Protein backbone atom coordinates (compact mmCIF):
# COMPACT_ATOMS: atom_id res chain seq x y z
CA UNK A 1 -6.01 -4.05 103.03
CA UNK A 2 -6.09 -2.37 99.67
CA UNK A 3 -2.46 -1.55 100.04
CA UNK A 4 -1.58 -5.21 100.58
CA UNK A 5 -3.55 -6.32 97.60
CA UNK A 6 -1.82 -3.75 95.46
CA UNK A 7 1.50 -4.88 96.68
CA UNK A 8 0.60 -8.48 95.94
CA UNK A 9 -0.43 -7.62 92.37
CA UNK A 10 2.63 -5.60 91.96
CA UNK A 11 4.67 -8.58 93.10
CA UNK A 12 3.01 -10.92 90.60
CA UNK A 13 3.61 -8.47 87.75
CA UNK A 14 7.22 -8.18 88.69
CA UNK A 15 7.61 -11.92 88.79
CA UNK A 16 5.96 -12.26 85.42
CA UNK A 17 8.12 -9.61 83.87
CA UNK A 18 11.18 -11.13 85.39
CA UNK A 19 10.19 -14.52 83.97
CA UNK A 20 9.68 -13.07 80.51
CA UNK A 21 12.97 -11.27 80.70
CA UNK A 22 14.76 -14.45 81.70
CA UNK A 23 13.07 -16.36 78.89
CA UNK A 24 14.15 -13.79 76.32
CA UNK A 25 17.69 -13.74 77.59
CA UNK A 26 17.89 -17.57 77.44
CA UNK A 27 16.52 -17.61 73.87
CA UNK A 28 19.04 -15.01 72.76
CA UNK A 29 21.80 -16.99 74.45
CA UNK A 30 20.67 -20.14 72.70
CA UNK A 31 20.68 -18.36 69.37
CA UNK A 32 24.20 -17.14 69.96
CA UNK A 33 25.25 -20.64 71.02
CA UNK A 34 23.76 -22.20 67.86
CA UNK A 35 25.43 -19.64 65.64
CA UNK A 36 28.81 -20.26 67.24
CA UNK A 37 28.35 -24.05 66.84
CA UNK A 38 27.56 -23.77 63.13
CA UNK A 39 30.50 -21.49 62.55
CA UNK A 40 32.78 -23.90 64.35
CA UNK A 41 31.48 -26.86 62.34
CA UNK A 42 32.04 -25.08 59.06
CA UNK A 43 35.56 -24.22 60.07
CA UNK A 44 36.22 -27.85 61.06
CA UNK A 45 34.86 -29.21 57.74
CA UNK A 46 36.99 -26.76 55.82
CA UNK A 47 40.08 -27.83 57.70
CA UNK A 48 39.32 -31.55 57.00
CA UNK A 49 38.80 -30.84 53.29
CA UNK A 50 42.10 -29.01 53.16
CA UNK A 51 43.83 -32.03 54.79
CA UNK A 52 42.24 -34.48 52.28
CA UNK A 53 43.23 -32.34 49.32
CA UNK A 54 46.77 -32.12 50.60
CA UNK A 55 46.88 -35.93 51.04
CA UNK A 56 45.52 -36.58 47.52
CA UNK A 57 48.00 -34.16 46.04
CA UNK A 58 50.80 -35.94 47.86
CA UNK A 59 49.60 -39.40 46.64
CA UNK A 60 49.35 -38.10 43.07
CA UNK A 61 52.86 -36.73 43.27
CA UNK A 62 54.13 -40.09 44.63
CA UNK A 63 52.32 -42.05 41.83
CA UNK A 64 53.73 -39.69 39.22
CA UNK A 65 57.20 -40.20 40.62
CA UNK A 66 56.71 -44.01 40.60
CA UNK A 67 55.41 -43.93 37.02
CA UNK A 68 58.41 -41.90 35.96
CA UNK A 69 60.72 -44.42 37.62
CA UNK A 70 58.94 -47.40 35.93
CA UNK A 71 58.94 -45.66 32.57
CA UNK A 72 62.64 -45.03 32.79
CA UNK A 73 63.24 -48.72 33.66
CA UNK A 74 60.96 -49.90 30.86
CA UNK A 75 62.82 -47.79 28.34
CA UNK A 76 66.01 -49.55 29.37
CA UNK A 77 64.50 -53.07 28.70
CA UNK A 78 62.50 -52.11 25.61
CA UNK A 79 64.90 -53.78 23.15
CA UNK A 80 64.86 -57.06 25.14
CA UNK A 81 61.05 -57.08 25.20
CA UNK A 82 60.85 -56.52 21.47
CA UNK A 83 63.34 -59.31 20.86
CA UNK A 84 61.37 -61.67 23.11
CA UNK A 85 58.09 -60.84 21.37
CA UNK A 86 59.67 -61.35 17.96
CA UNK A 87 61.03 -64.76 19.00
CA UNK A 88 57.65 -65.86 20.33
CA UNK A 89 55.89 -64.67 17.18
CA UNK A 90 58.37 -66.62 15.08
CA UNK A 91 57.82 -69.72 17.22
CA UNK A 92 54.03 -69.44 16.95
CA UNK A 93 54.29 -69.03 13.18
CA UNK A 94 56.34 -72.21 12.97
CA UNK A 95 53.78 -74.04 15.13
CA UNK A 96 50.91 -72.98 12.87
CA UNK A 97 52.88 -74.01 9.78
CA UNK A 98 53.62 -77.42 11.30
CA UNK A 99 49.97 -77.97 12.24
CA UNK A 100 48.87 -77.06 8.71
CA UNK A 101 51.46 -79.46 7.28
CA UNK A 102 50.18 -82.25 9.56
CA UNK A 103 46.64 -81.64 8.30
CA UNK A 104 47.78 -81.73 4.68
CA UNK A 105 49.74 -84.94 5.24
CA UNK A 106 46.76 -86.53 7.01
CA UNK A 107 44.48 -85.64 4.08
CA UNK A 108 46.99 -87.21 1.68
CA UNK A 109 47.03 -90.29 3.87
CA UNK A 110 43.25 -90.59 3.69
CA UNK A 111 43.27 -90.09 -0.09
CA UNK A 112 45.77 -92.95 -0.44
CA UNK A 113 43.23 -95.38 1.06
CA UNK A 114 40.75 -95.15 -1.82
CA UNK A 115 41.94 -96.09 -4.31
CA UNK A 116 44.63 -97.95 -2.42
CA UNK A 117 48.08 -96.62 -3.30
CA UNK A 118 50.90 -98.21 -1.22
CA UNK A 119 53.58 -95.77 -2.42
CA UNK A 120 51.42 -92.73 -1.69
CA UNK A 121 50.48 -94.22 1.70
CA UNK A 122 54.14 -94.66 2.69
CA UNK A 123 54.96 -91.11 1.62
CA UNK A 124 52.00 -89.71 3.57
CA UNK A 125 52.97 -91.71 6.69
CA UNK A 126 56.52 -90.36 6.53
CA UNK A 127 55.19 -86.81 6.12
CA UNK A 128 52.88 -87.13 9.14
CA UNK A 129 55.67 -88.55 11.32
CA UNK A 130 58.09 -85.83 10.21
CA UNK A 131 55.64 -83.03 11.04
CA UNK A 132 54.78 -84.57 14.42
CA UNK A 133 58.49 -84.68 15.23
CA UNK A 134 58.72 -81.06 14.17
CA UNK A 135 55.90 -80.14 16.58
CA UNK A 136 57.69 -82.03 19.35
CA UNK A 137 60.88 -80.06 18.76
CA UNK A 138 58.95 -76.77 18.80
CA UNK A 139 57.39 -77.76 22.12
CA UNK A 140 60.80 -78.48 23.61
CA UNK A 141 62.10 -75.16 22.33
CA UNK A 142 59.26 -73.33 24.04
CA UNK A 143 59.78 -75.17 27.32
CA UNK A 144 63.50 -74.48 27.34
CA UNK A 145 62.98 -70.83 26.46
CA UNK A 146 60.66 -70.42 29.48
CA UNK A 147 63.11 -72.15 31.77
CA UNK A 148 66.10 -70.19 30.46
CA UNK A 149 65.08 -66.74 31.71
CA UNK A 150 62.95 -65.95 28.67
CA UNK A 151 65.90 -66.07 26.26
CA UNK A 152 65.96 -68.64 23.44
CA UNK A 153 69.23 -70.36 22.64
CA UNK A 154 69.79 -70.42 18.88
CA UNK A 155 72.70 -72.86 19.02
CA UNK A 156 70.75 -75.41 21.06
CA UNK A 157 67.72 -74.99 18.77
CA UNK A 158 69.82 -75.66 15.66
CA UNK A 159 71.22 -78.82 17.18
CA UNK A 160 67.73 -80.03 18.01
CA UNK A 161 66.59 -79.50 14.42
CA UNK A 162 69.63 -81.17 12.87
CA UNK A 163 69.80 -84.14 15.27
CA UNK A 164 67.04 -86.27 13.62
CA UNK A 165 68.56 -85.75 10.18
CA UNK A 166 71.98 -86.75 11.43
CA UNK A 167 70.51 -89.92 12.94
CA UNK A 168 68.73 -90.72 9.65
CA UNK A 169 71.96 -90.09 7.74
CA UNK A 170 73.88 -92.48 9.98
CA UNK A 171 71.19 -95.12 9.49
CA UNK A 172 71.41 -94.71 5.71
CA UNK A 173 75.19 -95.01 5.86
CA UNK A 174 74.85 -98.27 7.77
CA UNK A 175 72.38 -99.58 5.20
CA UNK A 176 74.71 -98.61 2.36
CA UNK A 177 77.57 -100.46 4.04
CA UNK A 178 75.39 -103.55 4.50
CA UNK A 179 74.27 -103.45 0.86
CA UNK A 180 77.84 -102.98 -0.31
CA UNK A 181 78.93 -105.97 1.75
CA UNK A 182 76.11 -107.99 0.20
CA UNK A 183 77.16 -106.89 -3.29
CA UNK A 184 80.77 -107.84 -2.59
CA UNK A 185 79.67 -111.23 -1.29
CA UNK A 186 77.54 -111.89 -4.37
CA UNK A 187 80.43 -110.80 -6.58
CA UNK A 188 82.70 -113.33 -4.93
CA UNK A 189 80.08 -116.05 -5.31
CA UNK A 190 79.70 -115.16 -8.98
CA UNK A 191 83.46 -115.38 -9.53
CA UNK A 192 83.55 -118.73 -7.75
CA UNK A 193 80.62 -120.07 -9.78
CA UNK A 194 82.01 -118.96 -13.14
CA UNK A 195 85.52 -120.15 -12.37
CA UNK A 196 84.29 -123.77 -12.11
CA UNK A 197 82.39 -123.62 -15.42
CA UNK A 198 84.08 -123.67 -18.77
CA UNK A 199 83.36 -123.16 -22.44
CA UNK A 200 79.73 -122.99 -23.47
CA UNK A 201 78.26 -123.69 -20.04
CA UNK A 202 80.31 -120.86 -18.57
CA UNK A 203 79.00 -118.36 -21.10
CA UNK A 204 75.45 -119.56 -20.59
CA UNK A 205 75.69 -119.27 -16.82
CA UNK A 206 77.17 -115.79 -17.07
CA UNK A 207 74.40 -114.59 -19.35
CA UNK A 208 71.71 -115.94 -17.03
CA UNK A 209 73.19 -114.28 -13.97
CA UNK A 210 73.56 -111.04 -15.87
CA UNK A 211 69.93 -111.16 -17.00
CA UNK A 212 68.56 -111.94 -13.55
CA UNK A 213 70.85 -110.02 -11.23
CA UNK A 214 71.08 -106.83 -13.25
CA UNK A 215 68.14 -104.97 -14.68
CA UNK A 216 69.53 -104.75 -18.19
CA UNK A 217 67.75 -106.14 -21.24
CA UNK A 218 69.62 -107.91 -24.04
CA UNK A 219 70.00 -106.15 -27.35
CA UNK A 220 68.37 -109.00 -29.30
CA UNK A 221 65.99 -111.91 -28.59
CA UNK A 222 67.72 -114.89 -27.03
CA UNK A 223 66.75 -118.32 -25.75
CA UNK A 224 67.81 -117.29 -22.24
CA UNK A 225 65.35 -114.39 -22.31
CA UNK A 226 62.53 -116.74 -23.28
CA UNK A 227 63.44 -119.18 -20.50
CA UNK A 228 63.69 -116.37 -17.93
CA UNK A 229 60.36 -114.89 -19.00
CA UNK A 230 58.67 -118.30 -18.84
CA UNK A 231 60.02 -118.60 -15.29
CA UNK A 232 58.37 -115.25 -14.49
CA UNK A 233 55.07 -116.58 -15.84
CA UNK A 234 55.46 -119.69 -13.70
CA UNK A 235 56.13 -117.72 -10.51
CA UNK A 236 53.36 -115.17 -11.22
CA UNK A 237 50.78 -117.88 -11.91
CA UNK A 238 51.72 -119.67 -8.68
CA UNK A 239 51.39 -116.44 -6.68
CA UNK A 240 48.04 -115.47 -8.20
CA UNK A 241 46.65 -118.99 -7.83
CA UNK A 242 47.72 -119.18 -4.18
CA UNK A 243 45.98 -115.87 -3.45
CA UNK A 244 42.84 -117.00 -5.29
CA UNK A 245 42.78 -120.31 -3.42
CA UNK A 246 43.23 -118.62 -0.03
CA UNK A 247 40.35 -116.24 -0.81
CA UNK A 248 38.16 -119.20 -1.77
CA UNK A 249 38.97 -120.91 1.52
CA UNK A 250 38.33 -117.72 3.49
CA UNK A 251 34.93 -117.45 1.79
CA UNK A 252 34.24 -121.09 2.86
CA UNK A 253 33.70 -122.22 -0.73
CA UNK A 254 33.63 -125.91 -1.60
CA UNK A 255 37.11 -126.28 -3.09
CA UNK A 256 36.49 -129.84 -4.26
CA UNK A 257 33.31 -128.83 -6.08
CA UNK A 258 35.05 -125.85 -7.64
CA UNK A 259 37.93 -128.02 -8.88
CA UNK A 260 35.51 -130.61 -10.27
CA UNK A 261 33.64 -127.86 -12.08
CA UNK A 262 36.88 -126.54 -13.59
CA UNK A 263 38.10 -129.96 -14.69
CA UNK A 264 34.72 -131.07 -15.95
CA UNK A 265 34.56 -128.02 -18.20
CA UNK A 266 38.05 -128.83 -19.45
CA UNK A 267 37.19 -132.49 -19.94
CA UNK A 268 34.08 -131.63 -21.97
CA UNK A 269 36.31 -129.67 -24.32
CA UNK A 270 38.50 -132.76 -24.85
CA UNK A 271 35.74 -135.42 -24.59
CA UNK A 272 37.49 -137.06 -21.63
CA UNK A 273 34.93 -136.52 -18.88
CA UNK A 274 35.10 -140.06 -17.44
CA UNK A 275 38.85 -140.03 -16.97
CA UNK A 276 38.65 -136.68 -15.22
CA UNK A 277 36.10 -137.79 -12.66
CA UNK A 278 38.13 -140.95 -11.98
CA UNK A 279 41.18 -139.16 -10.62
CA UNK A 280 39.68 -135.87 -9.39
CA UNK A 281 38.88 -137.13 -5.90
CA UNK A 282 42.50 -138.13 -5.37
CA UNK A 283 43.65 -134.69 -6.52
CA UNK A 284 41.51 -132.80 -4.04
CA UNK A 285 42.17 -135.29 -1.29
CA UNK A 286 45.93 -134.88 -1.72
CA UNK A 287 45.59 -131.12 -1.37
CA UNK A 288 46.64 -130.55 -4.97
CA UNK A 289 43.65 -128.42 -5.88
CA UNK A 290 46.05 -125.52 -6.45
CA UNK A 291 47.46 -127.28 -9.53
CA UNK A 292 44.00 -127.71 -11.03
CA UNK A 293 43.25 -124.06 -10.30
CA UNK A 294 46.59 -123.01 -11.82
CA UNK A 295 45.80 -125.10 -14.90
CA UNK A 296 42.47 -123.28 -15.27
CA UNK A 297 44.12 -119.85 -14.91
CA UNK A 298 46.90 -120.63 -17.41
CA UNK A 299 44.46 -122.09 -19.91
CA UNK A 300 42.50 -118.82 -19.85
CA UNK A 301 45.63 -116.64 -19.96
CA UNK A 302 47.20 -118.49 -22.93
CA UNK A 303 43.99 -118.65 -24.95
CA UNK A 304 44.72 -116.85 -28.25
CA UNK A 305 48.47 -116.86 -27.57
CA UNK A 306 49.28 -117.82 -31.19
CA UNK A 307 47.69 -114.65 -32.56
CA UNK A 308 49.72 -111.44 -32.54
CA UNK A 309 47.04 -109.56 -30.52
CA UNK A 310 45.30 -112.46 -28.72
CA UNK A 311 42.45 -111.98 -31.22
CA UNK A 312 41.60 -108.63 -29.68
CA UNK A 313 41.61 -107.16 -33.18
CA UNK A 314 42.21 -108.31 -36.74
CA UNK A 315 45.80 -107.08 -37.09
CA UNK A 316 47.98 -108.93 -39.65
CA UNK A 317 51.25 -107.02 -39.14
CA UNK A 318 53.21 -110.22 -38.46
CA UNK A 319 52.23 -111.45 -41.96
CA UNK A 320 52.29 -108.23 -43.99
CA UNK A 321 55.52 -106.83 -42.54
CA UNK A 322 57.13 -109.54 -40.40
CA UNK A 323 60.56 -107.91 -39.98
CA UNK A 324 59.18 -104.61 -38.71
CA UNK A 325 56.69 -106.45 -36.50
CA UNK A 326 59.53 -108.43 -34.86
CA UNK A 327 61.46 -105.20 -34.20
CA UNK A 328 58.39 -103.51 -32.75
CA UNK A 329 57.61 -106.46 -30.47
CA UNK A 330 61.12 -106.62 -29.05
CA UNK A 331 61.19 -102.83 -28.58
CA UNK A 332 57.94 -103.05 -26.63
CA UNK A 333 59.41 -105.93 -24.61
CA UNK A 334 62.46 -103.87 -23.69
CA UNK A 335 60.38 -100.82 -22.78
CA UNK A 336 57.85 -102.72 -20.68
CA UNK A 337 60.11 -105.21 -18.90
CA UNK A 338 61.12 -102.89 -16.06
CA UNK A 339 57.75 -101.16 -15.69
CA UNK A 340 55.39 -101.71 -12.77
CA UNK A 341 52.16 -103.01 -14.36
CA UNK A 342 49.98 -101.15 -11.84
CA UNK A 343 51.63 -97.83 -12.65
CA UNK A 344 51.52 -98.54 -16.38
CA UNK A 345 47.79 -99.29 -16.23
CA UNK A 346 47.15 -96.15 -14.20
CA UNK A 347 48.83 -94.04 -16.91
CA UNK A 348 47.54 -95.90 -20.00
CA UNK A 349 44.44 -97.83 -18.88
CA UNK A 350 43.15 -98.53 -22.39
CA UNK A 351 46.40 -99.43 -24.14
CA UNK A 352 46.70 -102.86 -25.74
CA UNK A 353 48.05 -104.35 -22.54
CA UNK A 354 45.22 -102.69 -20.58
CA UNK A 355 42.62 -104.19 -22.93
CA UNK A 356 44.35 -107.56 -22.56
CA UNK A 357 43.96 -107.28 -18.76
CA UNK A 358 40.27 -106.35 -19.11
CA UNK A 359 39.58 -109.35 -21.37
CA UNK A 360 41.48 -111.93 -19.30
CA UNK A 361 40.12 -110.77 -15.92
CA UNK A 362 36.52 -111.07 -17.11
CA UNK A 363 37.36 -114.47 -18.60
CA UNK A 364 38.99 -115.91 -15.46
CA UNK A 365 36.83 -114.40 -12.69
CA UNK A 366 33.19 -115.35 -13.05
CA UNK A 367 30.64 -112.90 -11.54
CA UNK A 368 29.40 -115.50 -9.04
CA UNK A 369 32.98 -116.28 -8.02
CA UNK A 370 33.80 -112.59 -7.49
CA UNK A 371 30.64 -112.03 -5.45
CA UNK A 372 31.46 -115.05 -3.28
CA UNK A 373 35.05 -113.89 -2.74
CA UNK A 374 34.48 -110.18 -2.12
CA UNK A 375 30.77 -109.87 -1.31
CA UNK A 376 30.06 -107.57 -4.27
CA UNK A 377 30.88 -106.96 -7.93
CA UNK A 378 32.70 -103.64 -7.44
CA UNK A 379 35.93 -104.74 -9.15
CA UNK A 380 34.00 -106.15 -12.09
CA UNK A 381 32.07 -102.89 -12.46
CA UNK A 382 35.33 -100.95 -12.51
CA UNK A 383 36.75 -103.24 -15.20
CA UNK A 384 33.60 -102.93 -17.30
CA UNK A 385 33.85 -99.14 -16.95
CA UNK A 386 37.40 -99.19 -18.32
CA UNK A 387 39.23 -98.82 -14.98
CA UNK A 388 41.80 -101.05 -13.31
CA UNK A 389 41.02 -101.65 -9.59
CA UNK A 390 43.69 -100.69 -7.05
CA UNK A 391 43.38 -103.87 -4.99
CA UNK A 392 45.83 -106.56 -3.93
CA UNK A 393 43.93 -109.17 -5.91
CA UNK A 394 43.93 -107.21 -9.16
CA UNK A 395 47.56 -106.24 -8.54
CA UNK A 396 48.57 -109.93 -8.44
CA UNK A 397 46.50 -110.55 -11.56
CA UNK A 398 48.17 -107.64 -13.40
CA UNK A 399 51.63 -109.05 -12.60
CA UNK A 400 50.62 -112.39 -14.11
CA UNK A 401 49.12 -110.60 -17.13
CA UNK A 402 52.35 -108.64 -17.60
CA UNK A 403 54.47 -111.81 -17.53
CA UNK A 404 52.26 -113.50 -20.15
CA UNK A 405 52.22 -110.32 -22.27
CA UNK A 406 56.04 -110.12 -22.19
CA UNK A 407 56.29 -113.79 -23.17
CA UNK A 408 53.92 -113.11 -26.07
CA UNK A 409 55.98 -110.10 -27.25
CA UNK A 410 59.17 -112.12 -26.97
CA UNK A 411 57.69 -115.00 -28.97
CA UNK A 412 56.88 -112.72 -31.90
CA UNK A 413 60.39 -111.21 -31.68
CA UNK A 414 61.96 -114.48 -32.86
CA UNK A 415 62.41 -115.57 -36.45
CA UNK A 416 60.77 -118.02 -36.73
CA UNK A 417 58.50 -117.63 -33.66
CA UNK A 418 58.70 -120.47 -31.12
CA UNK A 419 55.78 -122.89 -31.15
CA UNK A 420 54.03 -123.56 -27.89
CA UNK A 421 52.50 -126.91 -27.04
CA UNK A 422 50.37 -128.35 -24.27
CA UNK A 423 50.21 -131.92 -23.01
CA UNK A 424 46.84 -133.58 -23.44
CA UNK A 425 44.95 -135.47 -20.75
CA UNK A 426 45.77 -139.14 -20.59
CA UNK A 427 48.96 -138.79 -22.63
CA UNK A 428 52.05 -140.75 -21.65
CA UNK A 429 54.70 -138.88 -19.74
CA UNK A 430 57.70 -137.82 -21.87
CA UNK A 431 60.52 -136.36 -19.76
CA UNK A 432 62.12 -134.52 -22.67
CA UNK A 433 58.95 -132.50 -23.22
CA UNK A 434 57.29 -132.48 -19.80
CA UNK A 435 58.04 -131.92 -16.16
CA UNK A 436 55.82 -133.01 -13.31
CA UNK A 437 54.62 -130.48 -10.76
CA UNK A 438 54.71 -133.20 -8.08
CA UNK A 439 57.70 -135.29 -7.19
CA UNK A 440 57.58 -138.83 -8.55
CA UNK A 441 60.26 -141.48 -8.26
CA UNK A 442 61.94 -142.66 -11.42
CA UNK A 443 60.42 -146.18 -11.20
CA UNK A 444 56.89 -144.85 -10.91
CA UNK A 445 56.93 -142.55 -13.94
CA UNK A 446 56.28 -145.39 -16.36
CA UNK A 447 52.91 -146.10 -14.77
CA UNK A 448 51.80 -142.43 -14.78
CA UNK A 449 49.90 -140.44 -17.38
CA UNK A 450 49.01 -136.78 -17.72
CA UNK A 451 46.06 -135.93 -15.51
CA UNK A 452 45.87 -132.37 -16.78
CA UNK A 453 48.31 -129.77 -18.14
CA UNK A 454 49.40 -127.02 -15.78
CA UNK A 455 51.30 -124.69 -18.13
CA UNK A 456 52.38 -124.92 -21.80
CA UNK A 457 55.84 -125.57 -23.16
CA UNK A 458 57.79 -124.08 -26.08
CA UNK A 459 59.89 -125.45 -28.90
CA UNK A 460 62.40 -122.97 -30.34
CA UNK A 461 63.78 -123.06 -33.87
CA UNK A 462 67.27 -124.15 -32.76
CA UNK A 463 65.83 -127.26 -31.12
CA UNK A 464 65.71 -125.95 -27.54
CA UNK A 465 62.72 -127.20 -25.54
CA UNK A 466 61.08 -125.37 -22.66
CA UNK A 467 59.18 -128.18 -20.94
CA UNK A 468 55.45 -128.11 -20.31
CA UNK A 469 54.35 -128.57 -16.72
CA UNK A 470 51.86 -131.39 -16.09
CA UNK A 471 50.07 -133.09 -13.22
CA UNK A 472 50.55 -136.86 -13.38
CA UNK A 473 48.08 -139.50 -12.22
CA UNK A 474 48.28 -143.31 -12.20
CA UNK A 475 47.15 -145.20 -15.28
CA UNK A 476 43.70 -146.81 -15.05
CA UNK A 477 43.87 -150.55 -15.17
């Protein structure tokens, strides 16, 4: 029994030892297996890294080759690129210059509005249009350069720039031809007119045409000059009066009341108030208020006409040195005849003529009238400050003032000076001294009297009469 137990123990020990041995062997095997796996993994990672490095090196070599190829091609087109860049830079410079010029022209255009300067406005408009056309041409050049393979065409560009000037030149040539044809036609008419006149009338007609159609001034005072200058006064007073009357109507002023006020003031000066009121309603009703207004304007303009300076100062040159004074007056007449009064006043605002304009404007245009017409007294303030307004209204007034001033200079150029006369209210109508501003039949003139004078007349030393203009009304009773 003991022997069996011993054998059984022995068997258990053997089994245990065997188990431990197997466990150790398996652990060692596992360790070897793990070591082999790690070694294999490291070898695999190394091989992959080598492959990646080889691939990157190959890509780098390919990129370097491609860069070298592109660089070689770029070097071939380098001159074309530089030329293209230079052309574009030149084009952009021209665009910036044109934009700057447009801005400058626009600023000039705004400055021409106040004070209003028509000549400067026209010049600024032309400058703006020219620069806008220039921008348009630059735009077309850019578009065509993009569509032409990036190369600009100098010949086409030059034609585009020159084309507008050629068109303008052709237009000017056509205008010159038309003007030349007009000159030729007028020359033929002049020859025809002079061929049918003879003797004294022929010479007189020729002198008048020469004075009016050419811009030359005679070398000495002449009756024809006085007649032509009086015609200028007549036309200028009509123009200014028409503008004044239209402004009064636009301001919804009572024209009839204004005319009555003007004529009543005139009648008080001649103690003929009743006669004035009697015919004034017929004047306004017949739409002849413009003649009453023209009479008022001329009466103010010719006030002081007999004095050598319109009583603006106490000069006595015409008495102390009459010969030199006549020469000076005619010289001033010749110098001023072709001048624009607006430009003259802008250069010499306080000359004698400028002071004459100041005095007459303040005399004709009452503050209440100016405020009713324009809504303020801005023009009057400018005149009082010694400035001449740049307005259409003052421009028309300055043209009338110039015509009267020229007539005054011409009067004191004669020896002896012509005497001017004015028909009085209620006087009988004398055709040799007067002309009616309204048409009246020959049979009706005997029953008409002077309602009011419109403009004065002149009697020259040689007996020539420049007729006074009058407005005729029927006799009372």
